[in-house]
Amino acid sequence: MPHAAFSPEWLNRFTDPYALLGVSVAADERRILKRYRAVAKQLHPDALINATPELQQFAGQVLPKLVNPAYQRLKQDKGRNEVLATLRFKVRRLSRDQPLNPTAEQSKQLLAIPEAEVDVFYEQAVDRLCDRQYETVANFERFTQQLSELNLVYLRRKMGAPVIREKRTGLMSTASIPRSPAPLPADPPSDGKSTSGLMYAERHYSRAQEYLKGKNIQAAIQELKDALKIDPQNSSYHCLIGQAYLLSQLTGMAKVHFKQALRLNPNNAVALKYAQQLKISMSETQPRRAETATTPPPEKRSLFGSLFSRGTSR
């Protein structure tokens, strides 16, 4: 790699701090610090004593001129808000000028997948791309550009329809200030459930989504178990816990919940996709004969009736 590769023009090609560090745009301060330490350790001179001169030169340029400044911008809320505002503005501008047309395969997939899969797919894609990001100069160029494109596609999916015109004051507009993505809506509530109970179930569901973004799968599973205790007939809850179990490589448990999600909602697009992936037969997703705990079998009802009659006749 010629020395000109590390010229100011070359360095200016990499402007997305999230892509430079290899973290998702939903990452919090803790995750950003963890990733920064891993990259800094990988590029530290002591770790590259036996590396090629090219790689040593690359680390000596990229660490102080790109990686460290990227971390400085993302380590605080204010900096992250400014970076996200800039990226969102870029998405709006690109969407206004022409349809977003990604070139990398994972970005194309992210643009096309169902809404319910966007967050999990995006986080997994970021993990795959950053895994070998700093092994070589070529990897850095390739994967950093792909991460940058993936971030724009993800923000495009989360922002919905592009805003063509927007009143702005200064660099950041009120509408540009990034907020936590709204949780995906769950199934409509079943009759007979209290509003407060359903509200608690939704809170568990929303927290589970955030835990999955942070790769805290066990915490997400626990939140979804709590949501299902309140609303066990919710197809979306079963579908998300199925995804969480699949991430934990607990395929059997995942199948159980995907089947139940389809019994409750045969049109659940995400559950249908995973059912096909896991080779779940559609016959296994047929609704079971209803037999609720509050309606005992006929023989038990007659027994309860006789006992009740005895008690009232005394």
C-alpha atoms as a PDB file:
ATOM      1  CA  MET A   1       0.000   0.000   0.000  1.00  0.00           C
ATOM      2  CA  PRO A   2       1.617   3.281  -1.012  1.00  0.00           C
ATOM      3  CA  HIS A   3       2.082   6.016   1.555  1.00  0.00           C
ATOM      4  CA  ALA A   4      -0.425   8.157  -0.376  1.00  0.00           C
ATOM      5  CA  ALA A   5      -3.119   5.813   0.930  1.00  0.00           C
ATOM      6  CA  PHE A   6      -2.871   7.583   4.286  1.00  0.00           C
ATOM      7  CA  SER A   7      -3.121  11.083   2.805  1.00  0.00           C
ATOM      8  CA  PRO A   8      -5.726  13.588   4.104  1.00  0.00           C
ATOM      9  CA  GLU A   9      -7.917  12.736   1.103  1.00  0.00           C
ATOM     10  CA  TRP A  10      -7.818   9.056   2.026  1.00  0.00           C
ATOM     11  CA  LEU A  11      -8.593   9.755   5.677  1.00  0.00           C
ATOM     12  CA  ASN A  12     -11.513  12.018   4.739  1.00  0.00           C
ATOM     13  CA  ARG A  13     -13.276   9.081   3.075  1.00  0.00           C
ATOM     14  CA  PHE A  14     -14.201   7.731   6.517  1.00  0.00           C
ATOM     15  CA  THR A  15     -16.570  10.152   8.205  1.00  0.00           C
ATOM     16  CA  ASP A  16     -19.014   7.946  10.138  1.00  0.00           C
ATOM     17  CA  PRO A  17     -17.717   7.505  13.724  1.00  0.00           C
ATOM     18  CA  TYR A  18     -20.030   4.554  14.335  1.00  0.00           C
ATOM     19  CA  ALA A  19     -18.675   2.779  11.266  1.00  0.00           C
ATOM     20  CA  LEU A  20     -15.084   3.566  12.249  1.00  0.00           C
ATOM     21  CA  LEU A  21     -15.512   1.980  15.666  1.00  0.00           C
ATOM     22  CA  GLY A  22     -17.648  -0.855  14.334  1.00  0.00           C
ATOM     23  CA  VAL A  23     -20.639  -0.290  16.632  1.00  0.00           C
ATOM     24  CA  SER A  24     -24.323   0.114  15.877  1.00  0.00           C
ATOM     25  CA  VAL A  25     -25.987   3.510  15.960  1.00  0.00           C
ATOM     26  CA  ALA A  26     -28.071   2.216  18.901  1.00  0.00           C
ATOM     27  CA  ALA A  27     -24.957   1.538  21.019  1.00  0.00           C
ATOM     28  CA  ASP A  28     -24.766   3.159  24.432  1.00  0.00           C
ATOM     29  CA  GLU A  29     -21.703   4.601  26.153  1.00  0.00           C
ATOM     30  CA  ARG A  30     -20.726   1.269  27.713  1.00  0.00           C
ATOM     31  CA  ARG A  31     -20.772  -0.642  24.433  1.00  0.00           C
ATOM     32  CA  ILE A  32     -18.887   2.132  22.648  1.00  0.00           C
ATOM     33  CA  LEU A  33     -16.145   2.140  25.299  1.00  0.00           C
ATOM     34  CA  LYS A  34     -15.837  -1.652  25.151  1.00  0.00           C
ATOM     35  CA  ARG A  35     -15.447  -1.637  21.376  1.00  0.00           C
ATOM     36  CA  TYR A  36     -12.999   1.276  21.454  1.00  0.00           C
ATOM     37  CA  ARG A  37     -10.762  -0.529  23.927  1.00  0.00           C
ATOM     38  CA  ALA A  38     -10.792  -3.649  21.762  1.00  0.00           C
ATOM     39  CA  VAL A  39      -9.793  -1.692  18.639  1.00  0.00           C
ATOM     40  CA  ALA A  40      -7.165   0.368  20.462  1.00  0.00           C
ATOM     41  CA  LYS A  41      -5.637  -2.806  21.872  1.00  0.00           C
ATOM     42  CA  GLN A  42      -5.584  -4.403  18.421  1.00  0.00           C
ATOM     43  CA  LEU A  43      -3.852  -1.371  16.889  1.00  0.00           C
ATOM     44  CA  HIS A  44      -1.434  -0.720  19.766  1.00  0.00           C
ATOM     45  CA  PRO A  45       2.258  -0.874  18.736  1.00  0.00           C
ATOM     46  CA  ASP A  46       2.951  -3.607  21.303  1.00  0.00           C
ATOM     47  CA  ALA A  47       0.407  -5.848  19.583  1.00  0.00           C
ATOM     48  CA  LEU A  48       2.012  -5.275  16.176  1.00  0.00           C
ATOM     49  CA  ILE A  49       5.680  -5.926  16.917  1.00  0.00           C
ATOM     50  CA  ASN A  50       5.765  -8.832  14.466  1.00  0.00           C
ATOM     51  CA  ALA A  51       3.338  -7.315  11.956  1.00  0.00           C
ATOM     52  CA  THR A  52       4.276  -6.126   8.481  1.00  0.00           C
ATOM     53  CA  PRO A  53       5.564  -2.548   8.091  1.00  0.00           C
ATOM     54  CA  GLU A  54       2.424  -1.760   6.098  1.00  0.00           C
ATOM     55  CA  LEU A  55       0.136  -2.825   8.957  1.00  0.00           C
ATOM     56  CA  GLN A  56       2.266  -0.958  11.497  1.00  0.00           C
ATOM     57  CA  GLN A  57       2.051   2.188   9.401  1.00  0.00           C
ATOM     58  CA  PHE A  58      -1.692   1.693   8.995  1.00  0.00           C
ATOM     59  CA  ALA A  59      -2.198   1.408  12.771  1.00  0.00           C
ATOM     60  CA  GLY A  60       0.007   4.442  13.391  1.00  0.00           C
ATOM     61  CA  GLN A  61      -2.178   6.524  11.094  1.00  0.00           C
ATOM     62  CA  VAL A  62      -5.663   5.170  11.753  1.00  0.00           C
ATOM     63  CA  LEU A  63      -5.589   4.942  15.558  1.00  0.00           C
ATOM     64  CA  PRO A  64      -4.712   8.600  16.304  1.00  0.00           C
ATOM     65  CA  LYS A  65      -6.376  10.151  13.243  1.00  0.00           C
ATOM     66  CA  LEU A  66      -9.607   8.184  12.927  1.00  0.00           C
ATOM     67  CA  VAL A  67     -10.298   5.806  15.814  1.00  0.00           C
ATOM     68  CA  ASN A  68      -9.479   8.139  18.720  1.00  0.00           C
ATOM     69  CA  PRO A  69     -11.443  11.096  17.262  1.00  0.00           C
ATOM     70  CA  ALA A  70     -14.398   8.789  16.554  1.00  0.00           C
ATOM     71  CA  TYR A  71     -14.465   7.678  20.181  1.00  0.00           C
ATOM     72  CA  GLN A  72     -14.183  11.264  21.416  1.00  0.00           C
ATOM     73  CA  ARG A  73     -17.284  12.158  19.394  1.00  0.00           C
ATOM     74  CA  LEU A  74     -19.339   9.186  20.589  1.00  0.00           C
ATOM     75  CA  LYS A  75     -18.393   8.860  24.238  1.00  0.00           C
ATOM     76  CA  GLN A  76     -20.935  11.449  25.399  1.00  0.00           C
ATOM     77  CA  ASP A  77     -24.652  11.905  24.695  1.00  0.00           C
ATOM     78  CA  LYS A  78     -24.172  15.303  23.085  1.00  0.00           C
ATOM     79  CA  GLY A  79     -21.664  13.989  20.573  1.00  0.00           C
ATOM     80  CA  ARG A  80     -23.803  10.963  19.713  1.00  0.00           C
ATOM     81  CA  ASN A  81     -26.834  13.219  19.176  1.00  0.00           C
ATOM     82  CA  GLU A  82     -24.861  15.435  16.805  1.00  0.00           C
ATOM     83  CA  VAL A  83     -23.521  12.481  14.822  1.00  0.00           C
ATOM     84  CA  LEU A  84     -26.978  10.916  14.534  1.00  0.00           C
ATOM     85  CA  ALA A  85     -28.460  14.239  13.441  1.00  0.00           C
ATOM     86  CA  THR A  86     -25.846  14.452  10.685  1.00  0.00           C
ATOM     87  CA  LEU A  87     -26.493  10.877   9.556  1.00  0.00           C
ATOM     88  CA  ARG A  88     -30.258  11.403   9.547  1.00  0.00           C
ATOM     89  CA  PHE A  89     -29.838  14.550   7.473  1.00  0.00           C
ATOM     90  CA  LYS A  90     -27.715  12.584   5.022  1.00  0.00           C
ATOM     91  CA  VAL A  91     -30.431   9.916   4.777  1.00  0.00           C
ATOM     92  CA  ARG A  92     -33.107  12.532   4.080  1.00  0.00           C
ATOM     93  CA  ARG A  93     -30.958  14.195   1.441  1.00  0.00           C
ATOM     94  CA  LEU A  94     -30.172  10.899  -0.289  1.00  0.00           C
ATOM     95  CA  SER A  95     -33.819   9.832  -0.180  1.00  0.00           C
ATOM     96  CA  ARG A  96     -34.910  13.147  -1.629  1.00  0.00           C
ATOM     97  CA  ASP A  97     -32.442  13.083  -4.506  1.00  0.00           C
ATOM     98  CA  GLN A  98     -32.972   9.442  -5.453  1.00  0.00           C
ATOM     99  CA  PRO A  99     -34.153   6.133  -3.963  1.00  0.00           C
ATOM    100  CA  LEU A 100     -31.683   4.654  -1.496  1.00  0.00           C
ATOM    101  CA  ASN A 101     -29.809   2.054  -3.528  1.00  0.00           C
ATOM    102  CA  PRO A 102     -27.275   0.164  -1.360  1.00  0.00           C
ATOM    103  CA  THR A 103     -24.513  -1.875  -2.970  1.00  0.00           C
ATOM    104  CA  ALA A 104     -23.481  -4.250  -0.152  1.00  0.00           C
ATOM    105  CA  GLU A 105     -25.483  -7.473   0.172  1.00  0.00           C
ATOM    106  CA  GLN A 106     -26.316  -7.066   3.863  1.00  0.00           C
ATOM    107  CA  SER A 107     -27.552  -3.507   3.301  1.00  0.00           C
ATOM    108  CA  LYS A 108     -29.790  -4.732   0.478  1.00  0.00           C
ATOM    109  CA  GLN A 109     -31.232  -7.401   2.764  1.00  0.00           C
ATOM    110  CA  LEU A 110     -31.789  -4.884   5.573  1.00  0.00           C
ATOM    111  CA  LEU A 111     -33.701  -2.620   3.205  1.00  0.00           C
ATOM    112  CA  ALA A 112     -36.064  -5.432   2.212  1.00  0.00           C
ATOM    113  CA  ILE A 113     -36.715  -7.496   5.361  1.00  0.00           C
ATOM    114  CA  PRO A 114     -39.939  -7.200   7.421  1.00  0.00           C
ATOM    115  CA  GLU A 115     -40.045  -4.383   9.956  1.00  0.00           C
ATOM    116  CA  ALA A 116     -40.083  -6.724  12.936  1.00  0.00           C
ATOM    117  CA  GLU A 117     -36.685  -8.169  11.944  1.00  0.00           C
ATOM    118  CA  VAL A 118     -34.843  -4.893  11.319  1.00  0.00           C
ATOM    119  CA  ASP A 119     -33.221  -4.407  14.736  1.00  0.00           C
ATOM    120  CA  VAL A 120     -31.990  -7.969  15.232  1.00  0.00           C
ATOM    121  CA  PHE A 121     -30.731  -8.293  11.642  1.00  0.00           C
ATOM    122  CA  TYR A 122     -28.925  -4.953  11.855  1.00  0.00           C
ATOM    123  CA  GLU A 123     -27.146  -5.777  15.121  1.00  0.00           C
ATOM    124  CA  GLN A 124     -26.033  -9.159  13.788  1.00  0.00           C
ATOM    125  CA  ALA A 125     -24.793  -7.598  10.544  1.00  0.00           C
ATOM    126  CA  VAL A 126     -22.728  -5.022  12.445  1.00  0.00           C
ATOM    127  CA  ASP A 127     -21.163  -7.812  14.498  1.00  0.00           C
ATOM    128  CA  ARG A 128     -20.196  -9.750  11.389  1.00  0.00           C
ATOM    129  CA  LEU A 129     -18.673  -6.761   9.623  1.00  0.00           C
ATOM    130  CA  CYS A 130     -16.654  -5.443  12.579  1.00  0.00           C
ATOM    131  CA  ASP A 131     -15.254  -8.858  13.495  1.00  0.00           C
ATOM    132  CA  ARG A 132     -12.339  -8.579  11.011  1.00  0.00           C
ATOM    133  CA  GLN A 133     -12.471  -4.852  10.359  1.00  0.00           C
ATOM    134  CA  TYR A 134      -8.943  -4.016  11.513  1.00  0.00           C
ATOM    135  CA  GLU A 135      -7.030  -7.106  10.430  1.00  0.00           C
ATOM    136  CA  THR A 136      -5.699  -5.546   7.193  1.00  0.00           C
ATOM    137  CA  VAL A 137      -5.817  -2.251   5.352  1.00  0.00           C
ATOM    138  CA  ALA A 138      -8.070  -3.785   2.700  1.00  0.00           C
ATOM    139  CA  ASN A 139     -10.444  -5.111   5.351  1.00  0.00           C
ATOM    140  CA  PHE A 140     -10.601  -1.705   6.977  1.00  0.00           C
ATOM    141  CA  GLU A 141     -11.548   0.034   3.737  1.00  0.00           C
ATOM    142  CA  ARG A 142     -14.077  -2.597   2.736  1.00  0.00           C
ATOM    143  CA  PHE A 143     -15.843  -3.210   6.027  1.00  0.00           C
ATOM    144  CA  THR A 144     -15.860   0.412   7.217  1.00  0.00           C
ATOM    145  CA  GLN A 145     -17.565   1.499   4.009  1.00  0.00           C
ATOM    146  CA  GLN A 146     -20.072  -1.343   4.340  1.00  0.00           C
ATOM    147  CA  LEU A 147     -20.784  -0.413   7.958  1.00  0.00           C
ATOM    148  CA  SER A 148     -21.351   3.195   6.938  1.00  0.00           C
ATOM    149  CA  GLU A 149     -23.836   2.146   4.271  1.00  0.00           C
ATOM    150  CA  LEU A 150     -25.547  -0.280   6.660  1.00  0.00           C
ATOM    151  CA  ASN A 151     -26.015   2.543   9.209  1.00  0.00           C
ATOM    152  CA  LEU A 152     -27.721   4.733   6.610  1.00  0.00           C
ATOM    153  CA  VAL A 153     -30.051   1.934   5.550  1.00  0.00           C
ATOM    154  CA  TYR A 154     -30.921   1.156   9.180  1.00  0.00           C
ATOM    155  CA  LEU A 155     -31.723   4.801   9.908  1.00  0.00           C
ATOM    156  CA  ARG A 156     -33.789   4.953   6.740  1.00  0.00           C
ATOM    157  CA  ARG A 157     -35.864   1.996   7.952  1.00  0.00           C
ATOM    158  CA  LYS A 158     -36.328   3.499  11.412  1.00  0.00           C
ATOM    159  CA  MET A 159     -37.146   6.989  10.117  1.00  0.00           C
ATOM    160  CA  GLY A 160     -39.930   5.828   7.813  1.00  0.00           C
ATOM    161  CA  ALA A 161     -40.902   8.009   4.882  1.00  0.00           C
ATOM    162  CA  PRO A 162     -38.301  10.688   4.115  1.00  0.00           C
ATOM    163  CA  VAL A 163     -39.073  14.268   5.057  1.00  0.00           C
ATOM    164  CA  ILE A 164     -38.592  16.471   2.023  1.00  0.00           C
ATOM    165  CA  ARG A 165     -38.721  19.853   3.703  1.00  0.00           C
ATOM    166  CA  GLU A 166     -38.127  20.664   7.318  1.00  0.00           C
ATOM    167  CA  LYS A 167     -37.753  23.945   9.160  1.00  0.00           C
ATOM    168  CA  ARG A 168     -34.332  24.034  10.788  1.00  0.00           C
ATOM    169  CA  THR A 169     -32.510  26.440  13.055  1.00  0.00           C
ATOM    170  CA  GLY A 170     -28.764  26.168  13.075  1.00  0.00           C
ATOM    171  CA  LEU A 171     -27.075  22.835  12.505  1.00  0.00           C
ATOM    172  CA  MET A 172     -29.572  20.688  14.388  1.00  0.00           C
ATOM    173  CA  SER A 173     -33.334  20.856  14.121  1.00  0.00           C
ATOM    174  CA  THR A 174     -35.758  19.752  16.790  1.00  0.00           C
ATOM    175  CA  ALA A 175     -36.914  16.936  14.549  1.00  0.00           C
ATOM    176  CA  SER A 176     -33.337  15.859  13.956  1.00  0.00           C
ATOM    177  CA  ILE A 177     -32.578  15.179  17.610  1.00  0.00           C
ATOM    178  CA  PRO A 178     -32.337  11.393  17.768  1.00  0.00           C
ATOM    179  CA  ARG A 179     -34.692   9.574  20.030  1.00  0.00           C
ATOM    180  CA  SER A 180     -34.783   5.961  21.059  1.00  0.00           C
ATOM    181  CA  PRO A 181     -36.549   3.987  18.335  1.00  0.00           C
ATOM    182  CA  ALA A 182     -40.183   3.376  19.183  1.00  0.00           C
ATOM    183  CA  PRO A 183     -40.841  -0.266  20.058  1.00  0.00           C
ATOM    184  CA  LEU A 184     -42.600  -2.299  17.417  1.00  0.00           C
ATOM    185  CA  PRO A 185     -46.326  -2.614  18.151  1.00  0.00           C
ATOM    186  CA  ALA A 186     -47.416  -5.907  19.617  1.00  0.00           C
ATOM    187  CA  ASP A 187     -50.617  -7.729  18.780  1.00  0.00           C
ATOM    188  CA  PRO A 188     -53.935  -6.090  19.684  1.00  0.00           C
ATOM    189  CA  PRO A 189     -54.912  -6.838  23.296  1.00  0.00           C
ATOM    190  CA  SER A 190     -57.184  -9.792  23.964  1.00  0.00           C
ATOM    191  CA  ASP A 191     -60.557  -9.173  25.555  1.00  0.00           C
ATOM    192  CA  GLY A 192     -60.725  -9.376  29.304  1.00  0.00           C
ATOM    193  CA  LYS A 193     -57.261  -8.069  30.090  1.00  0.00           C
ATOM    194  CA  SER A 194     -56.892  -4.937  32.172  1.00  0.00           C
ATOM    195  CA  THR A 195     -55.393  -1.870  30.567  1.00  0.00           C
ATOM    196  CA  SER A 196     -52.795  -1.596  33.320  1.00  0.00           C
ATOM    197  CA  GLY A 197     -51.797  -5.234  32.892  1.00  0.00           C
ATOM    198  CA  LEU A 198     -51.338  -4.829  29.154  1.00  0.00           C
ATOM    199  CA  MET A 199     -49.322  -1.692  29.789  1.00  0.00           C
ATOM    200  CA  TYR A 200     -46.920  -3.672  31.969  1.00  0.00           C
ATOM    201  CA  ALA A 201     -46.686  -6.376  29.304  1.00  0.00           C
ATOM    202  CA  GLU A 202     -45.791  -3.750  26.696  1.00  0.00           C
ATOM    203  CA  ARG A 203     -43.099  -2.381  28.988  1.00  0.00           C
ATOM    204  CA  HIS A 204     -41.559  -5.834  29.307  1.00  0.00           C
ATOM    205  CA  TYR A 205     -41.730  -6.217  25.520  1.00  0.00           C
ATOM    206  CA  SER A 206     -40.069  -2.836  24.921  1.00  0.00           C
ATOM    207  CA  ARG A 207     -37.305  -3.565  27.423  1.00  0.00           C
ATOM    208  CA  ALA A 208     -36.718  -6.935  25.748  1.00  0.00           C
ATOM    209  CA  GLN A 209     -36.186  -5.172  22.424  1.00  0.00           C
ATOM    210  CA  GLU A 210     -33.630  -2.852  24.006  1.00  0.00           C
ATOM    211  CA  TYR A 211     -31.843  -5.779  25.663  1.00  0.00           C
ATOM    212  CA  LEU A 212     -31.609  -7.560  22.316  1.00  0.00           C
ATOM    213  CA  LYS A 213     -30.056  -4.457  20.772  1.00  0.00           C
ATOM    214  CA  GLY A 214     -27.481  -4.557  23.556  1.00  0.00           C
ATOM    215  CA  LYS A 215     -26.933  -8.298  23.037  1.00  0.00           C
ATOM    216  CA  ASN A 216     -28.166  -9.071  26.559  1.00  0.00           C
ATOM    217  CA  ILE A 217     -30.156 -12.063  25.378  1.00  0.00           C
ATOM    218  CA  GLN A 218     -30.882 -13.642  28.761  1.00  0.00           C
ATOM    219  CA  ALA A 219     -32.321 -10.392  30.110  1.00  0.00           C
ATOM    220  CA  ALA A 220     -34.479 -10.107  26.985  1.00  0.00           C
ATOM    221  CA  ILE A 221     -35.792 -13.645  27.464  1.00  0.00           C
ATOM    222  CA  GLN A 222     -36.706 -12.903  31.074  1.00  0.00           C
ATOM    223  CA  GLU A 223     -38.574  -9.739  30.079  1.00  0.00           C
ATOM    224  CA  LEU A 224     -40.496 -11.651  27.420  1.00  0.00           C
ATOM    225  CA  LYS A 225     -41.368 -14.416  29.883  1.00  0.00           C
ATOM    226  CA  ASP A 226     -42.824 -11.738  32.148  1.00  0.00           C
ATOM    227  CA  ALA A 227     -44.753 -10.245  29.221  1.00  0.00           C
ATOM    228  CA  LEU A 228     -46.179 -13.669  28.344  1.00  0.00           C
ATOM    229  CA  LYS A 229     -47.314 -14.235  31.923  1.00  0.00           C
ATOM    230  CA  ILE A 230     -49.524 -11.176  31.506  1.00  0.00           C
ATOM    231  CA  ASP A 231     -50.548 -11.705  27.880  1.00  0.00           C
ATOM    232  CA  PRO A 232     -49.862 -15.325  26.837  1.00  0.00           C
ATOM    233  CA  GLN A 233     -51.983 -15.011  23.670  1.00  0.00           C
ATOM    234  CA  ASN A 234     -49.763 -12.378  22.058  1.00  0.00           C
ATOM    235  CA  SER A 235     -48.181 -13.625  18.825  1.00  0.00           C
ATOM    236  CA  SER A 236     -45.551 -10.876  18.739  1.00  0.00           C
ATOM    237  CA  TYR A 237     -44.252 -11.766  22.199  1.00  0.00           C
ATOM    238  CA  HIS A 238     -43.906 -15.440  21.234  1.00  0.00           C
ATOM    239  CA  CYS A 239     -42.172 -14.484  17.998  1.00  0.00           C
ATOM    240  CA  LEU A 240     -39.592 -12.253  19.692  1.00  0.00           C
ATOM    241  CA  ILE A 241     -38.787 -14.763  22.414  1.00  0.00           C
ATOM    242  CA  GLY A 242     -38.377 -17.345  19.652  1.00  0.00           C
ATOM    243  CA  GLN A 243     -35.782 -15.077  18.036  1.00  0.00           C
ATOM    244  CA  ALA A 244     -34.048 -14.619  21.379  1.00  0.00           C
ATOM    245  CA  TYR A 245     -33.882 -18.375  21.982  1.00  0.00           C
ATOM    246  CA  LEU A 246     -32.519 -18.823  18.471  1.00  0.00           C
ATOM    247  CA  LEU A 247     -29.747 -16.321  19.240  1.00  0.00           C
ATOM    248  CA  SER A 248     -28.981 -18.410  22.336  1.00  0.00           C
ATOM    249  CA  GLN A 249     -28.785 -21.504  20.107  1.00  0.00           C
ATOM    250  CA  LEU A 250     -31.755 -23.044  21.916  1.00  0.00           C
ATOM    251  CA  THR A 251     -33.446 -24.195  18.742  1.00  0.00           C
ATOM    252  CA  GLY A 252     -36.002 -26.407  20.461  1.00  0.00           C
ATOM    253  CA  MET A 253     -37.340 -23.580  22.601  1.00  0.00           C
ATOM    254  CA  ALA A 254     -37.332 -21.265  19.583  1.00  0.00           C
ATOM    255  CA  LYS A 255     -39.482 -23.719  17.626  1.00  0.00           C
ATOM    256  CA  VAL A 256     -41.998 -23.951  20.463  1.00  0.00           C
ATOM    257  CA  HIS A 257     -42.592 -20.220  20.454  1.00  0.00           C
ATOM    258  CA  PHE A 258     -42.593 -19.790  16.677  1.00  0.00           C
ATOM    259  CA  LYS A 259     -45.265 -22.502  16.482  1.00  0.00           C
ATOM    260  CA  GLN A 260     -47.319 -20.765  19.139  1.00  0.00           C
ATOM    261  CA  ALA A 261     -46.887 -17.403  17.402  1.00  0.00           C
ATOM    262  CA  LEU A 262     -48.354 -18.923  14.230  1.00  0.00           C
ATOM    263  CA  ARG A 263     -51.184 -20.634  16.096  1.00  0.00           C
ATOM    264  CA  LEU A 264     -52.195 -17.237  17.439  1.00  0.00           C
ATOM    265  CA  ASN A 265     -51.537 -15.340  14.203  1.00  0.00           C
ATOM    266  CA  PRO A 266     -51.058 -17.460  11.060  1.00  0.00           C
ATOM    267  CA  ASN A 267     -50.117 -14.290   9.143  1.00  0.00           C
ATOM    268  CA  ASN A 268     -47.164 -13.330  11.368  1.00  0.00           C
ATOM    269  CA  ALA A 269     -44.602 -12.715   8.611  1.00  0.00           C
ATOM    270  CA  VAL A 270     -41.540 -13.021  10.844  1.00  0.00           C
ATOM    271  CA  ALA A 271     -42.720 -16.261  12.429  1.00  0.00           C
ATOM    272  CA  LEU A 272     -43.513 -17.666   8.975  1.00  0.00           C
ATOM    273  CA  LYS A 273     -39.992 -16.907   7.802  1.00  0.00           C
ATOM    274  CA  TYR A 274     -38.386 -18.606  10.798  1.00  0.00           C
ATOM    275  CA  ALA A 275     -40.771 -21.546  10.504  1.00  0.00           C
ATOM    276  CA  GLN A 276     -39.514 -22.081   6.985  1.00  0.00           C
ATOM    277  CA  GLN A 277     -35.907 -21.654   8.097  1.00  0.00           C
ATOM    278  CA  LEU A 278     -36.349 -24.174  10.934  1.00  0.00           C
ATOM    279  CA  LYS A 279     -38.398 -26.532   8.742  1.00  0.00           C
ATOM    280  CA  ILE A 280     -41.465 -26.329  10.938  1.00  0.00           C
ATOM    281  CA  SER A 281     -44.420 -28.062   9.314  1.00  0.00           C
ATOM    282  CA  MET A 282     -47.523 -25.909   8.962  1.00  0.00           C
ATOM    283  CA  SER A 283     -49.546 -28.765  10.403  1.00  0.00           C
ATOM    284  CA  GLU A 284     -47.667 -28.185  13.675  1.00  0.00           C
ATOM    285  CA  THR A 285     -48.936 -24.618  13.818  1.00  0.00           C
ATOM    286  CA  GLN A 286     -52.636 -25.441  13.631  1.00  0.00           C
ATOM    287  CA  PRO A 287     -54.602 -24.033  16.572  1.00  0.00           C
ATOM    288  CA  ARG A 288     -55.117 -26.550  19.335  1.00  0.00           C
ATOM    289  CA  ARG A 289     -58.541 -27.381  20.644  1.00  0.00           C
ATOM    290  CA  ALA A 290     -59.407 -24.668  23.121  1.00  0.00           C
ATOM    291  CA  GLU A 291     -59.490 -25.897  26.674  1.00  0.00           C
ATOM    292  CA  THR A 292     -59.021 -23.042  29.094  1.00  0.00           C
ATOM    293  CA  ALA A 293     -58.284 -23.308  32.789  1.00  0.00           C
ATOM    294  CA  THR A 294     -61.508 -21.457  33.640  1.00  0.00           C
ATOM    295  CA  THR A 295     -63.709 -23.978  31.771  1.00  0.00           C
ATOM    296  CA  PRO A 296     -63.364 -27.484  33.261  1.00  0.00           C
ATOM    297  CA  PRO A 297     -64.285 -30.630  31.295  1.00  0.00           C
ATOM    298  CA  PRO A 298     -67.961 -31.742  31.448  1.00  0.00           C
ATOM    299  CA  GLU A 299     -67.383 -34.438  34.069  1.00  0.00           C
ATOM    300  CA  LYS A 300     -65.625 -31.960  36.337  1.00  0.00           C
ATOM    301  CA  ARG A 301     -68.333 -29.368  35.800  1.00  0.00           C
ATOM    302  CA  SER A 302     -70.971 -31.876  36.952  1.00  0.00           C
ATOM    303  CA  LEU A 303     -68.894 -32.713  40.021  1.00  0.00           C
ATOM    304  CA  PHE A 304     -68.417 -29.041  40.845  1.00  0.00           C
ATOM    305  CA  GLY A 305     -72.108 -28.498  40.321  1.00  0.00           C
ATOM    306  CA  SER A 306     -73.071 -31.311  42.702  1.00  0.00           C
ATOM    307  CA  LEU A 307     -70.628 -30.131  45.330  1.00  0.00           C
ATOM    308  CA  PHE A 308     -71.943 -26.609  45.019  1.00  0.00           C
ATOM    309  CA  SER A 309     -75.546 -27.878  45.277  1.00  0.00           C
ATOM    310  CA  ARG A 310     -74.681 -29.863  48.420  1.00  0.00           C
ATOM    311  CA  GLY A 311     -73.067 -26.860  49.967  1.00  0.00           C
ATOM    312  CA  THR A 312     -75.992 -24.583  49.280  1.00  0.00           C
ATOM    313  CA  SER A 313     -78.619 -27.113  50.356  1.00  0.00           C
ATOM    314  CA  ARG A 314     -77.245 -27.365  53.848  1.00  0.00           C
END
